[in-house]
Every structure is written in C-alpha cells, then in structure tokens.
Amino acid sequence: MDNFPASTIIHYFIGHLEHSLQLLQDIPLGHKFAIQEIKAGKEILKYAESIGVATELIRPGQHVHVHNMESQRGGKDR
C-alpha cells in the first residue's frame, strides 16, 4: 500500500480507549494526520514531542505536512 485513501476509517488508542476517525485526504504512507483539531499557531505534537506549529486550522483526518505546519527543527534562527 502506497498511501491511505481519503475516507479510510482509522482506529487508534489513547490509553485503553479506542477512537476512530475518517481521513479527509489521501495520506502518504509514513506521513502524519491530525487526530484532533489544531488551530493556527498551536503546537503539533508527535509522540508527545513538539514537531512544529500549525500555520492554519487543521481538522481531524487532514494531512499534516509542510503545507500546513512550520517545523521548529532547524529553523531560521537555529
């Protein structure tokens, strides 16, 4: 499989509670998608570590990548 097509239902766990969401966009294999709404200017967390800041509203099931986030690693002033 090269990607997860839009409208795929994803199941995941937070602690012992199972959650699910429907992907809103095609997600390339190995890429990230939001599991909750992330407002512009808010940190984006991956495995509880900040990886960047949202540059626009990101809805659950949307692809999270350079088009809607700014990385905090290797930034302009680092």
C-alpha atoms as a PDB file:
ATOM      1  CA  MET A   1       0.000   0.000   0.000  1.00  0.00           C
ATOM      2  CA  ASP A   2       1.431   3.388  -1.000  1.00  0.00           C
ATOM      3  CA  ASN A   3      -0.980   5.565   0.961  1.00  0.00           C
ATOM      4  CA  PHE A   4      -4.205   5.618   2.905  1.00  0.00           C
ATOM      5  CA  PRO A   5      -7.029   6.927   0.689  1.00  0.00           C
ATOM      6  CA  ALA A   6      -9.380   9.678   1.813  1.00  0.00           C
ATOM      7  CA  SER A   7     -12.454   8.310   3.633  1.00  0.00           C
ATOM      8  CA  THR A   8     -10.455   5.418   5.171  1.00  0.00           C
ATOM      9  CA  ILE A   9     -11.562   4.816   8.757  1.00  0.00           C
ATOM     10  CA  ILE A  10      -8.582   4.803  11.147  1.00  0.00           C
ATOM     11  CA  HIS A  11      -8.803   3.217  14.609  1.00  0.00           C
ATOM     12  CA  TYR A  12      -6.335   4.200  17.327  1.00  0.00           C
ATOM     13  CA  PHE A  13      -5.997   4.051  21.087  1.00  0.00           C
ATOM     14  CA  ILE A  14      -5.368   6.736  23.677  1.00  0.00           C
ATOM     15  CA  GLY A  15      -4.660   4.788  26.812  1.00  0.00           C
ATOM     16  CA  HIS A  16      -7.205   1.977  26.880  1.00  0.00           C
ATOM     17  CA  LEU A  17      -9.884   3.890  24.963  1.00  0.00           C
ATOM     18  CA  GLU A  18     -10.347   3.150  21.283  1.00  0.00           C
ATOM     19  CA  HIS A  19     -11.112   6.065  18.967  1.00  0.00           C
ATOM     20  CA  SER A  20     -11.732   6.292  15.249  1.00  0.00           C
ATOM     21  CA  LEU A  21     -11.802   8.960  12.575  1.00  0.00           C
ATOM     22  CA  GLN A  22     -12.284   9.196   8.844  1.00  0.00           C
ATOM     23  CA  LEU A  23      -9.403  10.536   6.773  1.00  0.00           C
ATOM     24  CA  LEU A  24     -10.334  13.701   4.884  1.00  0.00           C
ATOM     25  CA  GLN A  25      -7.422  13.489   2.450  1.00  0.00           C
ATOM     26  CA  ASP A  26      -5.120  10.857   0.978  1.00  0.00           C
ATOM     27  CA  ILE A  27      -2.302  10.265   3.466  1.00  0.00           C
ATOM     28  CA  PRO A  28       1.005   9.035   2.011  1.00  0.00           C
ATOM     29  CA  LEU A  29       2.498   6.053   3.829  1.00  0.00           C
ATOM     30  CA  GLY A  30       4.643   7.303   6.725  1.00  0.00           C
ATOM     31  CA  HIS A  31       3.053  10.763   6.836  1.00  0.00           C
ATOM     32  CA  LYS A  32       1.086  12.307   9.686  1.00  0.00           C
ATOM     33  CA  PHE A  33      -2.592  13.158  10.048  1.00  0.00           C
ATOM     34  CA  ALA A  34      -4.396  15.060  12.785  1.00  0.00           C
ATOM     35  CA  ILE A  35      -6.468  13.153  15.344  1.00  0.00           C
ATOM     36  CA  GLN A  36      -7.903  16.359  16.809  1.00  0.00           C
ATOM     37  CA  GLU A  37      -8.431  19.924  15.652  1.00  0.00           C
ATOM     38  CA  ILE A  38      -5.252  22.013  15.710  1.00  0.00           C
ATOM     39  CA  LYS A  39      -5.733  25.768  15.482  1.00  0.00           C
ATOM     40  CA  ALA A  40      -3.303  28.029  13.633  1.00  0.00           C
ATOM     41  CA  GLY A  41      -0.377  28.938  15.886  1.00  0.00           C
ATOM     42  CA  LYS A  42      -0.757  25.870  18.121  1.00  0.00           C
ATOM     43  CA  GLU A  43       1.956  23.278  18.616  1.00  0.00           C
ATOM     44  CA  ILE A  44       1.773  19.992  16.738  1.00  0.00           C
ATOM     45  CA  LEU A  45       2.741  17.012  18.868  1.00  0.00           C
ATOM     46  CA  LYS A  46       4.047  13.654  17.677  1.00  0.00           C
ATOM     47  CA  TYR A  47       4.663  11.078  20.397  1.00  0.00           C
ATOM     48  CA  ALA A  48       4.228  13.866  22.988  1.00  0.00           C
ATOM     49  CA  GLU A  49       7.079  15.907  21.432  1.00  0.00           C
ATOM     50  CA  SER A  50       6.530  19.226  19.676  1.00  0.00           C
ATOM     51  CA  ILE A  51       7.441  18.972  15.981  1.00  0.00           C
ATOM     52  CA  GLY A  52       6.127  22.320  14.783  1.00  0.00           C
ATOM     53  CA  VAL A  53       3.348  24.871  14.742  1.00  0.00           C
ATOM     54  CA  ALA A  54       0.179  24.827  12.649  1.00  0.00           C
ATOM     55  CA  THR A  55       0.107  27.601  10.051  1.00  0.00           C
ATOM     56  CA  GLU A  56      -3.649  27.162   9.502  1.00  0.00           C
ATOM     57  CA  LEU A  57      -6.579  25.297  11.039  1.00  0.00           C
ATOM     58  CA  ILE A  58      -6.045  21.542  10.703  1.00  0.00           C
ATOM     59  CA  ARG A  59      -9.103  19.331  11.106  1.00  0.00           C
ATOM     60  CA  PRO A  60      -9.113  15.724  12.365  1.00  0.00           C
ATOM     61  CA  GLY A  61      -8.286  13.448   9.438  1.00  0.00           C
ATOM     62  CA  GLN A  62      -6.317  16.060   7.486  1.00  0.00           C
ATOM     63  CA  HIS A  63      -2.762  15.518   6.260  1.00  0.00           C
ATOM     64  CA  VAL A  64      -0.190  17.302   8.478  1.00  0.00           C
ATOM     65  CA  HIS A  65       2.853  18.305   6.458  1.00  0.00           C
ATOM     66  CA  VAL A  66       4.823  21.338   5.223  1.00  0.00           C
ATOM     67  CA  HIS A  67       1.737  22.851   3.574  1.00  0.00           C
ATOM     68  CA  ASN A  68       0.021  23.473   6.951  1.00  0.00           C
ATOM     69  CA  MET A  69       2.793  23.430   9.546  1.00  0.00           C
ATOM     70  CA  GLU A  70       6.115  25.106  10.210  1.00  0.00           C
ATOM     71  CA  SER A  71       8.852  22.936  11.667  1.00  0.00           C
ATOM     72  CA  GLN A  72      10.614  24.017  14.841  1.00  0.00           C
ATOM     73  CA  ARG A  73      13.638  21.913  13.986  1.00  0.00           C
ATOM     74  CA  GLY A  74      16.397  23.582  12.027  1.00  0.00           C
ATOM     75  CA  GLY A  75      14.513  26.856  11.867  1.00  0.00           C
ATOM     76  CA  LYS A  76      15.707  30.190  10.500  1.00  0.00           C
ATOM     77  CA  ASP A  77      17.222  31.294  13.792  1.00  0.00           C
ATOM     78  CA  ARG A  78      18.858  27.995  14.770  1.00  0.00           C
END
